[in-house]
Amino acid sequence: EDRIMLNMGGIANYTYLPGSLDANKIFSTDTGPGNTMMDALMQQHYPVKYFDEDGLIARQGMVHEALLHALKDHPFFQQSFPKTTGPELFNLHYLQQAKEKAAVPELSVFDTMATLNLFSAQTIAEAIKKTMPEGSTYHLYASGGGMHNPVLMQHIKDLLPGVAVHLTTELGIHPDAKEALLFAVLANECIAGGNIQFSNELQ
């Protein structure tokens, strides 16, 4: 099967793994914020909390459409793929600028969190849609801290209708351990060597 391996850490990113096992078709990119802005907002308003556990804060708010539009109004989202970004861009300062642009500088933490949650989900789903051929069939496997947020996960399912959404648990890989496993594999390949055939253009 064709697979999208979605990692929702501070920044969201995914890797496309073709069912054909053709290494030349593997593709990876950042999509924008995963949890970084939501986590920062939690820590700003609830110093003993590090993240929106079970999406409880987001559940109590309403998405503010003007703020959502302002959050998505950045050249990063128009750049071609693949691309990369980080919390040096998507942070509380970025959020405050978007609030001022949307004329809602004092929006409640609940509505802000609900909006940030959908912001992450929409930018993830839109990146996947833009980079996958129309009509293609693939399975999505989620990992990283974002997969613990049921509001974020539900948004992604709603925004990618027809896509089978799983956790990497179904592949025998604990979602919180995927990156640790990846580096173990890379270390093994470095020592033992591997044989992945790429076209001449990519060598």
N, C-alpha and C. Protein backbone atom coordinates (compact mmCIF):
# COMPACT_ATOMS: atom_id res chain seq x y z
N GLU A 1 0.84 -1.20 0.00
CA GLU A 1 0.00 0.00 0.00
C GLU A 1 0.88 1.24 0.00
N ASP A 2 0.37 2.32 -0.60
CA ASP A 2 1.02 3.62 -0.49
C ASP A 2 0.73 4.17 0.90
N ARG A 3 1.77 4.76 1.53
CA ARG A 3 1.61 5.22 2.89
C ARG A 3 2.09 6.66 3.06
N ILE A 4 1.35 7.41 3.87
CA ILE A 4 1.78 8.71 4.37
C ILE A 4 2.13 8.50 5.84
N MET A 5 3.40 8.73 6.18
CA MET A 5 3.84 8.62 7.58
C MET A 5 3.85 10.03 8.16
N LEU A 6 2.80 10.38 8.87
CA LEU A 6 2.62 11.74 9.40
C LEU A 6 3.15 11.83 10.81
N ASN A 7 4.08 12.73 11.04
CA ASN A 7 4.63 12.98 12.36
C ASN A 7 4.20 14.37 12.83
N MET A 8 3.47 14.42 13.93
CA MET A 8 3.00 15.69 14.46
C MET A 8 3.72 16.00 15.76
N GLY A 9 4.93 16.52 15.63
CA GLY A 9 5.67 17.00 16.79
C GLY A 9 5.39 18.49 16.92
N GLY A 10 6.40 19.26 17.32
CA GLY A 10 6.22 20.70 17.35
C GLY A 10 5.87 21.22 15.97
N ILE A 11 6.62 20.75 14.98
CA ILE A 11 6.32 21.01 13.57
C ILE A 11 5.81 19.71 12.97
N ALA A 12 4.84 19.82 12.09
CA ALA A 12 4.29 18.62 11.44
C ALA A 12 5.06 18.35 10.15
N ASN A 13 5.30 17.08 9.88
CA ASN A 13 5.95 16.68 8.65
C ASN A 13 5.46 15.29 8.27
N TYR A 14 5.66 14.95 7.02
CA TYR A 14 5.28 13.60 6.61
C TYR A 14 6.22 13.08 5.54
N THR A 15 6.27 11.77 5.45
CA THR A 15 7.03 11.08 4.42
C THR A 15 6.07 10.18 3.65
N TYR A 16 6.15 10.24 2.33
CA TYR A 16 5.37 9.36 1.47
C TYR A 16 6.21 8.14 1.11
N LEU A 17 5.67 6.97 1.39
CA LEU A 17 6.35 5.71 1.07
C LEU A 17 5.50 4.97 0.04
N PRO A 18 5.97 4.84 -1.19
CA PRO A 18 5.19 4.18 -2.24
C PRO A 18 5.11 2.68 -2.04
N GLY A 19 3.94 2.14 -2.29
CA GLY A 19 3.77 0.69 -2.20
C GLY A 19 4.63 -0.06 -3.20
N SER A 20 5.05 0.62 -4.24
CA SER A 20 5.91 -0.01 -5.25
C SER A 20 7.33 -0.25 -4.73
N LEU A 21 7.67 0.37 -3.59
CA LEU A 21 9.01 0.32 -3.00
C LEU A 21 10.06 0.99 -3.89
N ASP A 22 9.61 1.84 -4.79
CA ASP A 22 10.52 2.59 -5.65
C ASP A 22 11.10 3.76 -4.86
N ALA A 23 12.40 3.69 -4.53
CA ALA A 23 13.03 4.70 -3.68
C ALA A 23 13.00 6.08 -4.31
N ASN A 24 12.91 6.15 -5.64
CA ASN A 24 12.88 7.44 -6.30
C ASN A 24 11.58 8.21 -6.06
N LYS A 25 10.55 7.52 -5.59
CA LYS A 25 9.26 8.17 -5.39
C LYS A 25 9.03 8.56 -3.93
N ILE A 26 9.98 8.25 -3.05
CA ILE A 26 9.86 8.66 -1.65
C ILE A 26 9.91 10.18 -1.56
N PHE A 27 9.06 10.75 -0.74
CA PHE A 27 8.95 12.21 -0.65
C PHE A 27 8.73 12.60 0.80
N SER A 28 9.38 13.67 1.25
CA SER A 28 9.22 14.12 2.62
C SER A 28 9.21 15.64 2.68
N THR A 29 8.40 16.20 3.57
CA THR A 29 8.32 17.65 3.71
C THR A 29 7.72 18.04 5.05
N ASP A 30 8.06 19.21 5.52
CA ASP A 30 7.32 19.85 6.61
C ASP A 30 6.03 20.42 6.04
N THR A 31 5.02 20.56 6.89
CA THR A 31 3.76 21.16 6.44
C THR A 31 3.46 22.47 7.16
N GLY A 32 4.06 22.69 8.33
CA GLY A 32 3.77 23.86 9.14
C GLY A 32 3.70 23.44 10.59
N PRO A 33 2.96 24.17 11.42
CA PRO A 33 2.92 23.84 12.85
C PRO A 33 2.19 22.54 13.12
N GLY A 34 2.71 21.80 14.08
CA GLY A 34 2.00 20.66 14.63
C GLY A 34 1.45 21.10 15.96
N ASN A 35 2.25 20.89 17.02
CA ASN A 35 1.82 21.25 18.37
C ASN A 35 2.48 22.51 18.93
N THR A 36 3.49 23.03 18.24
CA THR A 36 4.34 24.04 18.88
C THR A 36 3.57 25.26 19.37
N MET A 37 2.63 25.77 18.58
CA MET A 37 1.89 26.96 18.99
C MET A 37 0.85 26.63 20.06
N MET A 38 0.21 25.47 19.94
CA MET A 38 -0.76 25.07 20.96
C MET A 38 -0.06 24.84 22.30
N ASP A 39 1.10 24.19 22.26
CA ASP A 39 1.84 23.95 23.50
C ASP A 39 2.28 25.26 24.14
N ALA A 40 2.77 26.19 23.31
CA ALA A 40 3.22 27.48 23.83
C ALA A 40 2.06 28.25 24.46
N LEU A 41 0.90 28.16 23.85
CA LEU A 41 -0.28 28.85 24.40
C LEU A 41 -0.67 28.25 25.75
N MET A 42 -0.63 26.93 25.85
CA MET A 42 -0.94 26.27 27.11
C MET A 42 0.02 26.72 28.20
N GLN A 43 1.30 26.73 27.89
CA GLN A 43 2.31 27.09 28.89
C GLN A 43 2.22 28.56 29.29
N GLN A 44 1.71 29.38 28.38
CA GLN A 44 1.53 30.80 28.68
C GLN A 44 0.38 31.00 29.67
N HIS A 45 -0.71 30.28 29.49
CA HIS A 45 -1.90 30.48 30.30
C HIS A 45 -2.04 29.51 31.47
N TYR A 46 -1.40 28.36 31.36
CA TYR A 46 -1.48 27.33 32.40
C TYR A 46 -0.06 26.84 32.68
N PRO A 47 0.69 27.55 33.51
CA PRO A 47 2.12 27.26 33.71
C PRO A 47 2.45 25.82 34.11
N VAL A 48 1.51 25.11 34.74
CA VAL A 48 1.79 23.73 35.16
C VAL A 48 1.44 22.73 34.06
N LYS A 49 0.90 23.21 32.94
CA LYS A 49 0.53 22.34 31.82
C LYS A 49 1.50 22.54 30.67
N TYR A 50 1.80 21.45 29.98
CA TYR A 50 2.72 21.53 28.86
C TYR A 50 2.02 21.38 27.51
N PHE A 51 0.81 20.87 27.52
CA PHE A 51 0.07 20.67 26.27
C PHE A 51 -1.42 20.58 26.59
N ASP A 52 -2.24 20.69 25.56
CA ASP A 52 -3.69 20.63 25.72
C ASP A 52 -4.12 19.17 25.81
N GLU A 53 -4.07 18.62 27.01
CA GLU A 53 -4.34 17.20 27.21
C GLU A 53 -5.75 16.84 26.75
N ASP A 54 -5.83 15.84 25.87
CA ASP A 54 -7.10 15.35 25.31
C ASP A 54 -7.87 16.45 24.57
N GLY A 55 -7.19 17.54 24.22
CA GLY A 55 -7.86 18.63 23.51
C GLY A 55 -8.93 19.31 24.33
N LEU A 56 -8.82 19.27 25.67
CA LEU A 56 -9.89 19.78 26.53
C LEU A 56 -10.10 21.28 26.37
N ILE A 57 -9.03 22.04 26.16
CA ILE A 57 -9.18 23.49 25.99
C ILE A 57 -9.78 23.79 24.62
N ALA A 58 -9.27 23.12 23.59
CA ALA A 58 -9.80 23.34 22.23
C ALA A 58 -11.28 22.99 22.14
N ARG A 59 -11.69 21.94 22.86
CA ARG A 59 -13.10 21.51 22.82
C ARG A 59 -14.05 22.58 23.33
N GLN A 60 -13.56 23.43 24.23
CA GLN A 60 -14.43 24.43 24.86
C GLN A 60 -14.53 25.72 24.05
N GLY A 61 -13.76 25.80 22.96
CA GLY A 61 -13.75 27.02 22.17
C GLY A 61 -14.43 26.88 20.82
N MET A 62 -14.55 28.00 20.15
CA MET A 62 -15.10 28.06 18.80
C MET A 62 -14.02 28.59 17.86
N VAL A 63 -13.94 28.01 16.69
CA VAL A 63 -12.95 28.46 15.70
C VAL A 63 -13.31 29.87 15.25
N HIS A 64 -12.31 30.77 15.27
CA HIS A 64 -12.51 32.14 14.81
C HIS A 64 -11.98 32.22 13.38
N GLU A 65 -12.88 32.37 12.43
CA GLU A 65 -12.52 32.27 11.02
C GLU A 65 -11.53 33.37 10.58
N ALA A 66 -11.70 34.58 11.10
CA ALA A 66 -10.79 35.66 10.70
C ALA A 66 -9.38 35.38 11.20
N LEU A 67 -9.26 34.86 12.41
CA LEU A 67 -7.94 34.50 12.93
C LEU A 67 -7.35 33.34 12.16
N LEU A 68 -8.17 32.35 11.83
CA LEU A 68 -7.69 31.22 11.04
C LEU A 68 -7.13 31.69 9.70
N HIS A 69 -7.84 32.60 9.05
CA HIS A 69 -7.39 33.14 7.77
C HIS A 69 -6.07 33.88 7.94
N ALA A 70 -5.96 34.66 9.02
CA ALA A 70 -4.73 35.42 9.26
C ALA A 70 -3.55 34.49 9.54
N LEU A 71 -3.79 33.41 10.27
CA LEU A 71 -2.72 32.45 10.56
C LEU A 71 -2.19 31.79 9.29
N LYS A 72 -3.08 31.58 8.33
CA LYS A 72 -2.68 30.90 7.09
C LYS A 72 -2.13 31.87 6.05
N ASP A 73 -2.17 33.15 6.36
CA ASP A 73 -1.71 34.18 5.42
C ASP A 73 -0.21 34.41 5.60
N HIS A 74 0.59 33.46 5.12
CA HIS A 74 2.04 33.57 5.20
C HIS A 74 2.66 32.94 3.96
N PRO A 75 3.73 33.52 3.42
CA PRO A 75 4.35 32.98 2.20
C PRO A 75 4.79 31.53 2.31
N PHE A 76 5.06 31.05 3.54
CA PHE A 76 5.47 29.65 3.69
C PHE A 76 4.47 28.70 3.06
N PHE A 77 3.20 29.00 3.20
CA PHE A 77 2.18 28.08 2.71
C PHE A 77 2.01 28.13 1.20
N GLN A 78 2.63 29.12 0.54
CA GLN A 78 2.61 29.16 -0.93
C GLN A 78 3.91 28.63 -1.54
N GLN A 79 4.90 28.35 -0.71
CA GLN A 79 6.17 27.83 -1.22
C GLN A 79 5.98 26.44 -1.80
N SER A 80 6.82 26.10 -2.76
CA SER A 80 6.75 24.77 -3.36
C SER A 80 7.29 23.73 -2.39
N PHE A 81 6.92 22.49 -2.62
CA PHE A 81 7.37 21.36 -1.80
C PHE A 81 8.58 20.70 -2.45
N PRO A 82 9.45 20.08 -1.65
CA PRO A 82 9.47 20.01 -0.19
C PRO A 82 9.98 21.31 0.43
N LYS A 83 9.66 21.51 1.70
CA LYS A 83 10.08 22.72 2.40
C LYS A 83 10.20 22.41 3.89
N THR A 84 10.81 23.32 4.61
CA THR A 84 11.01 23.10 6.03
C THR A 84 10.77 24.39 6.80
N THR A 85 10.42 24.26 8.07
CA THR A 85 10.17 25.42 8.91
C THR A 85 10.41 25.03 10.37
N GLY A 86 10.11 25.92 11.29
CA GLY A 86 10.36 25.63 12.70
C GLY A 86 9.70 26.64 13.61
N PRO A 87 9.88 26.48 14.92
CA PRO A 87 9.27 27.40 15.89
C PRO A 87 9.85 28.81 15.84
N GLU A 88 10.94 28.99 15.10
CA GLU A 88 11.44 30.36 14.92
C GLU A 88 10.44 31.19 14.10
N LEU A 89 9.56 30.52 13.35
CA LEU A 89 8.50 31.22 12.62
C LEU A 89 7.17 31.07 13.34
N PHE A 90 6.78 29.84 13.62
CA PHE A 90 5.47 29.58 14.21
C PHE A 90 5.58 29.53 15.73
N ASN A 91 5.27 30.67 16.34
CA ASN A 91 5.42 30.85 17.79
C ASN A 91 4.36 31.83 18.29
N LEU A 92 4.46 32.21 19.56
CA LEU A 92 3.46 33.12 20.13
C LEU A 92 3.50 34.51 19.51
N HIS A 93 4.67 34.93 19.04
CA HIS A 93 4.76 36.22 18.36
C HIS A 93 3.98 36.17 17.05
N TYR A 94 4.11 35.06 16.33
CA TYR A 94 3.35 34.88 15.09
C TYR A 94 1.85 34.90 15.39
N LEU A 95 1.46 34.23 16.48
CA LEU A 95 0.05 34.21 16.88
C LEU A 95 -0.45 35.61 17.18
N GLN A 96 0.33 36.40 17.91
CA GLN A 96 -0.10 37.74 18.27
C GLN A 96 -0.24 38.62 17.03
N GLN A 97 0.69 38.47 16.10
CA GLN A 97 0.58 39.22 14.84
C GLN A 97 -0.69 38.86 14.09
N ALA A 98 -1.02 37.58 14.08
CA ALA A 98 -2.24 37.14 13.40
C ALA A 98 -3.48 37.67 14.10
N LYS A 99 -3.45 37.70 15.42
CA LYS A 99 -4.59 38.25 16.18
C LYS A 99 -4.80 39.72 15.85
N GLU A 100 -3.71 40.46 15.76
CA GLU A 100 -3.82 41.89 15.43
C GLU A 100 -4.32 42.08 14.01
N LYS A 101 -3.86 41.23 13.10
CA LYS A 101 -4.32 41.31 11.71
C LYS A 101 -5.82 41.01 11.62
N ALA A 102 -6.27 40.07 12.47
CA ALA A 102 -7.68 39.69 12.47
C ALA A 102 -8.52 40.58 13.37
N ALA A 103 -7.89 41.55 14.03
CA ALA A 103 -8.57 42.50 14.92
C ALA A 103 -9.23 41.79 16.10
N VAL A 104 -8.55 40.77 16.64
CA VAL A 104 -9.06 40.08 17.83
C VAL A 104 -7.91 39.88 18.83
N PRO A 105 -7.27 40.97 19.26
CA PRO A 105 -6.09 40.83 20.13
C PRO A 105 -6.39 40.18 21.47
N GLU A 106 -7.66 40.23 21.93
CA GLU A 106 -8.00 39.70 23.25
C GLU A 106 -8.90 38.47 23.15
N LEU A 107 -8.79 37.69 22.12
CA LEU A 107 -9.62 36.49 21.96
C LEU A 107 -9.35 35.51 23.11
N SER A 108 -10.37 34.82 23.57
CA SER A 108 -10.22 33.92 24.71
C SER A 108 -9.25 32.79 24.38
N VAL A 109 -8.66 32.22 25.43
CA VAL A 109 -7.73 31.12 25.24
C VAL A 109 -8.43 29.91 24.62
N PHE A 110 -9.71 29.72 24.91
CA PHE A 110 -10.46 28.58 24.39
C PHE A 110 -10.66 28.72 22.87
N ASP A 111 -11.11 29.91 22.44
CA ASP A 111 -11.31 30.13 21.00
C ASP A 111 -9.97 30.15 20.26
N THR A 112 -8.95 30.69 20.91
CA THR A 112 -7.63 30.70 20.28
C THR A 112 -7.12 29.28 20.09
N MET A 113 -7.28 28.44 21.11
CA MET A 113 -6.82 27.06 21.01
C MET A 113 -7.60 26.29 19.96
N ALA A 114 -8.89 26.48 19.91
CA ALA A 114 -9.70 25.80 18.90
C ALA A 114 -9.25 26.19 17.50
N THR A 115 -8.90 27.46 17.33
CA THR A 115 -8.47 27.95 16.03
C THR A 115 -7.09 27.41 15.68
N LEU A 116 -6.18 27.41 16.64
CA LEU A 116 -4.84 26.87 16.40
C LEU A 116 -4.90 25.39 16.04
N ASN A 117 -5.79 24.67 16.70
CA ASN A 117 -5.93 23.24 16.43
C ASN A 117 -6.35 22.99 14.98
N LEU A 118 -7.35 23.73 14.53
CA LEU A 118 -7.80 23.58 13.15
C LEU A 118 -6.75 24.09 12.17
N PHE A 119 -6.02 25.13 12.55
CA PHE A 119 -4.93 25.67 11.73
C PHE A 119 -3.90 24.58 11.43
N SER A 120 -3.48 23.86 12.46
CA SER A 120 -2.52 22.77 12.25
C SER A 120 -3.12 21.70 11.36
N ALA A 121 -4.37 21.31 11.64
CA ALA A 121 -5.00 20.24 10.86
C ALA A 121 -5.17 20.63 9.39
N GLN A 122 -5.62 21.85 9.15
CA GLN A 122 -5.84 22.28 7.76
C GLN A 122 -4.54 22.35 6.98
N THR A 123 -3.49 22.88 7.58
CA THR A 123 -2.23 23.00 6.84
C THR A 123 -1.60 21.63 6.59
N ILE A 124 -1.81 20.69 7.49
CA ILE A 124 -1.36 19.31 7.26
C ILE A 124 -2.13 18.71 6.09
N ALA A 125 -3.46 18.77 6.17
CA ALA A 125 -4.30 18.15 5.14
C ALA A 125 -4.10 18.80 3.78
N GLU A 126 -3.97 20.11 3.76
CA GLU A 126 -3.79 20.81 2.47
C GLU A 126 -2.46 20.45 1.83
N ALA A 127 -1.41 20.30 2.64
CA ALA A 127 -0.11 19.90 2.09
C ALA A 127 -0.18 18.51 1.49
N ILE A 128 -0.84 17.60 2.18
CA ILE A 128 -0.97 16.23 1.67
C ILE A 128 -1.76 16.23 0.36
N LYS A 129 -2.86 16.96 0.33
CA LYS A 129 -3.68 17.01 -0.89
C LYS A 129 -2.91 17.59 -2.08
N LYS A 130 -2.08 18.60 -1.81
CA LYS A 130 -1.32 19.25 -2.89
C LYS A 130 -0.23 18.35 -3.45
N THR A 131 0.30 17.46 -2.63
CA THR A 131 1.45 16.66 -3.06
C THR A 131 1.09 15.24 -3.49
N MET A 132 -0.13 14.82 -3.22
CA MET A 132 -0.56 13.49 -3.64
C MET A 132 -1.39 13.60 -4.90
N PRO A 133 -1.18 12.71 -5.88
CA PRO A 133 -1.97 12.77 -7.12
C PRO A 133 -3.46 12.65 -6.83
N GLU A 134 -4.25 13.43 -7.55
CA GLU A 134 -5.69 13.39 -7.35
C GLU A 134 -6.21 11.99 -7.63
N GLY A 135 -7.05 11.51 -6.75
CA GLY A 135 -7.63 10.19 -6.92
C GLY A 135 -6.76 9.05 -6.40
N SER A 136 -5.58 9.38 -5.86
CA SER A 136 -4.70 8.33 -5.36
C SER A 136 -5.25 7.73 -4.07
N THR A 137 -4.92 6.50 -3.82
CA THR A 137 -5.36 5.79 -2.62
C THR A 137 -4.15 5.53 -1.74
N TYR A 138 -4.23 5.90 -0.50
CA TYR A 138 -3.12 5.70 0.41
C TYR A 138 -3.64 5.59 1.84
N HIS A 139 -2.82 5.04 2.71
CA HIS A 139 -3.12 4.96 4.14
C HIS A 139 -2.24 5.96 4.86
N LEU A 140 -2.79 6.61 5.87
CA LEU A 140 -2.04 7.57 6.67
C LEU A 140 -1.79 6.98 8.06
N TYR A 141 -0.53 7.00 8.49
CA TYR A 141 -0.16 6.51 9.81
C TYR A 141 0.41 7.67 10.62
N ALA A 142 -0.25 7.99 11.74
CA ALA A 142 0.13 9.15 12.55
C ALA A 142 1.01 8.75 13.72
N SER A 143 1.92 9.66 14.08
CA SER A 143 2.77 9.49 15.25
C SER A 143 3.10 10.88 15.78
N GLY A 144 3.84 10.92 16.89
CA GLY A 144 4.20 12.20 17.50
C GLY A 144 3.14 12.65 18.48
N GLY A 145 3.45 13.72 19.21
CA GLY A 145 2.56 14.19 20.26
C GLY A 145 1.16 14.52 19.79
N GLY A 146 1.02 14.99 18.55
CA GLY A 146 -0.29 15.37 18.05
C GLY A 146 -1.28 14.24 17.97
N MET A 147 -0.77 13.00 17.86
CA MET A 147 -1.70 11.88 17.75
C MET A 147 -2.43 11.62 19.07
N HIS A 148 -1.95 12.24 20.16
CA HIS A 148 -2.64 12.12 21.45
C HIS A 148 -3.79 13.12 21.58
N ASN A 149 -3.89 14.06 20.63
CA ASN A 149 -4.92 15.10 20.68
C ASN A 149 -6.11 14.66 19.83
N PRO A 150 -7.19 14.19 20.46
CA PRO A 150 -8.31 13.67 19.67
C PRO A 150 -9.00 14.72 18.81
N VAL A 151 -8.95 15.99 19.21
CA VAL A 151 -9.56 17.04 18.39
C VAL A 151 -8.76 17.21 17.09
N LEU A 152 -7.45 17.24 17.19
CA LEU A 152 -6.59 17.36 16.02
C LEU A 152 -6.76 16.15 15.11
N MET A 153 -6.77 14.96 15.69
CA MET A 153 -6.92 13.75 14.89
C MET A 153 -8.27 13.72 14.15
N GLN A 154 -9.33 14.16 14.83
CA GLN A 154 -10.64 14.16 14.19
C GLN A 154 -10.70 15.16 13.05
N HIS A 155 -10.08 16.33 13.25
CA HIS A 155 -10.03 17.31 12.17
C HIS A 155 -9.34 16.71 10.94
N ILE A 156 -8.23 16.03 11.15
CA ILE A 156 -7.49 15.45 10.02
C ILE A 156 -8.34 14.41 9.30
N LYS A 157 -9.04 13.58 10.06
CA LYS A 157 -9.92 12.58 9.44
C LYS A 157 -11.02 13.26 8.63
N ASP A 158 -11.59 14.32 9.17
CA ASP A 158 -12.66 15.04 8.48
C ASP A 158 -12.15 15.72 7.21
N LEU A 159 -10.92 16.22 7.25
CA LEU A 159 -10.35 16.95 6.12
C LEU A 159 -9.80 16.04 5.03
N LEU A 160 -9.62 14.76 5.36
CA LEU A 160 -9.12 13.80 4.38
C LEU A 160 -10.12 12.66 4.24
N PRO A 161 -11.31 12.96 3.77
CA PRO A 161 -12.34 11.92 3.65
C PRO A 161 -11.89 10.83 2.67
N GLY A 162 -12.17 9.61 3.02
CA GLY A 162 -11.78 8.50 2.16
C GLY A 162 -10.40 7.97 2.44
N VAL A 163 -9.63 8.67 3.27
CA VAL A 163 -8.28 8.22 3.62
C VAL A 163 -8.35 7.43 4.92
N ALA A 164 -7.77 6.24 4.90
CA ALA A 164 -7.72 5.42 6.12
C ALA A 164 -6.65 5.99 7.04
N VAL A 165 -7.06 6.46 8.22
CA VAL A 165 -6.14 7.08 9.17
C VAL A 165 -5.89 6.11 10.33
N HIS A 166 -4.62 5.83 10.59
CA HIS A 166 -4.23 4.89 11.63
C HIS A 166 -3.17 5.53 12.52
N LEU A 167 -2.81 4.83 13.59
CA LEU A 167 -1.62 5.12 14.35
C LEU A 167 -0.56 4.11 13.95
N THR A 168 0.71 4.46 14.14
CA THR A 168 1.77 3.53 13.75
C THR A 168 1.77 2.28 14.63
N THR A 169 0.99 2.29 15.70
CA THR A 169 0.83 1.10 16.53
C THR A 169 0.42 -0.09 15.66
N GLU A 170 -0.38 0.17 14.64
CA GLU A 170 -0.86 -0.90 13.77
C GLU A 170 0.26 -1.51 12.93
N LEU A 171 1.40 -0.83 12.89
CA LEU A 171 2.57 -1.36 12.17
C LEU A 171 3.58 -1.96 13.15
N GLY A 172 3.18 -2.03 14.42
CA GLY A 172 4.09 -2.57 15.42
C GLY A 172 5.10 -1.58 15.93
N ILE A 173 4.85 -0.28 15.69
CA ILE A 173 5.77 0.78 16.12
C ILE A 173 5.02 1.74 17.03
N HIS A 174 5.46 1.86 18.28
CA HIS A 174 4.81 2.78 19.20
C HIS A 174 4.94 4.20 18.65
N PRO A 175 3.83 4.94 18.56
CA PRO A 175 3.88 6.28 17.95
C PRO A 175 4.86 7.24 18.61
N ASP A 176 5.11 7.07 19.91
CA ASP A 176 6.04 7.96 20.60
C ASP A 176 7.49 7.51 20.44
N ALA A 177 7.71 6.35 19.80
CA ALA A 177 9.07 5.82 19.66
C ALA A 177 9.53 5.78 18.21
N LYS A 178 8.72 6.32 17.29
CA LYS A 178 9.07 6.17 15.87
C LYS A 178 10.41 6.83 15.54
N GLU A 179 10.66 8.03 16.06
CA GLU A 179 11.91 8.71 15.72
C GLU A 179 13.11 8.00 16.35
N ALA A 180 12.94 7.48 17.56
CA ALA A 180 14.03 6.72 18.18
C ALA A 180 14.35 5.49 17.33
N LEU A 181 13.31 4.82 16.86
CA LEU A 181 13.50 3.64 16.01
C LEU A 181 14.18 4.03 14.70
N LEU A 182 13.77 5.17 14.13
CA LEU A 182 14.35 5.64 12.89
C LEU A 182 15.86 5.83 13.03
N PHE A 183 16.30 6.45 14.12
CA PHE A 183 17.73 6.69 14.29
C PHE A 183 18.50 5.39 14.54
N ALA A 184 17.84 4.41 15.16
CA ALA A 184 18.47 3.10 15.30
C ALA A 184 18.67 2.46 13.93
N VAL A 185 17.67 2.59 13.07
CA VAL A 185 17.79 2.05 11.71
C VAL A 185 18.91 2.76 10.94
N LEU A 186 18.95 4.10 11.05
CA LEU A 186 20.00 4.85 10.36
C LEU A 186 21.38 4.47 10.86
N ALA A 187 21.51 4.26 12.17
CA ALA A 187 22.80 3.84 12.73
C ALA A 187 23.20 2.48 12.18
N ASN A 188 22.24 1.56 12.11
CA ASN A 188 22.54 0.24 11.57
C ASN A 188 22.96 0.32 10.10
N GLU A 189 22.25 1.15 9.32
CA GLU A 189 22.58 1.29 7.91
C GLU A 189 23.97 1.90 7.73
N CYS A 190 24.31 2.84 8.62
CA CYS A 190 25.64 3.47 8.54
C CYS A 190 26.75 2.44 8.77
N ILE A 191 26.51 1.54 9.74
CA ILE A 191 27.53 0.54 10.07
C ILE A 191 27.52 -0.63 9.09
N ALA A 192 26.31 -1.15 8.83
CA ALA A 192 26.21 -2.36 8.03
C ALA A 192 26.11 -2.08 6.54
N GLY A 193 25.65 -0.88 6.19
CA GLY A 193 25.49 -0.55 4.79
C GLY A 193 24.18 -1.08 4.24
N GLY A 194 23.64 -0.39 3.28
CA GLY A 194 22.40 -0.82 2.64
C GLY A 194 22.53 -0.66 1.15
N ASN A 195 21.54 -1.12 0.44
CA ASN A 195 21.58 -1.06 -1.02
C ASN A 195 20.25 -0.55 -1.53
N ILE A 196 20.10 0.78 -1.55
CA ILE A 196 18.88 1.40 -2.08
C ILE A 196 19.23 2.01 -3.43
N GLN A 197 18.52 1.58 -4.43
CA GLN A 197 18.82 2.03 -5.80
C GLN A 197 18.06 3.30 -6.13
N PHE A 198 18.79 4.37 -6.43
CA PHE A 198 18.21 5.62 -6.88
C PHE A 198 18.60 5.84 -8.34
N SER A 199 17.83 6.67 -9.01
CA SER A 199 18.18 7.00 -10.38
C SER A 199 19.44 7.87 -10.37
N ASN A 200 20.10 7.97 -11.53
CA ASN A 200 21.34 8.72 -11.62
C ASN A 200 21.16 10.18 -11.23
N GLU A 201 19.96 10.74 -11.50
CA GLU A 201 19.71 12.14 -11.21
C GLU A 201 19.75 12.43 -9.71
N LEU A 202 19.46 11.42 -8.90
CA LEU A 202 19.36 11.64 -7.47
C LEU A 202 20.59 11.18 -6.72
N GLN A 203 21.56 10.59 -7.39
CA GLN A 203 22.75 10.11 -6.71
C GLN A 203 23.71 11.25 -6.37
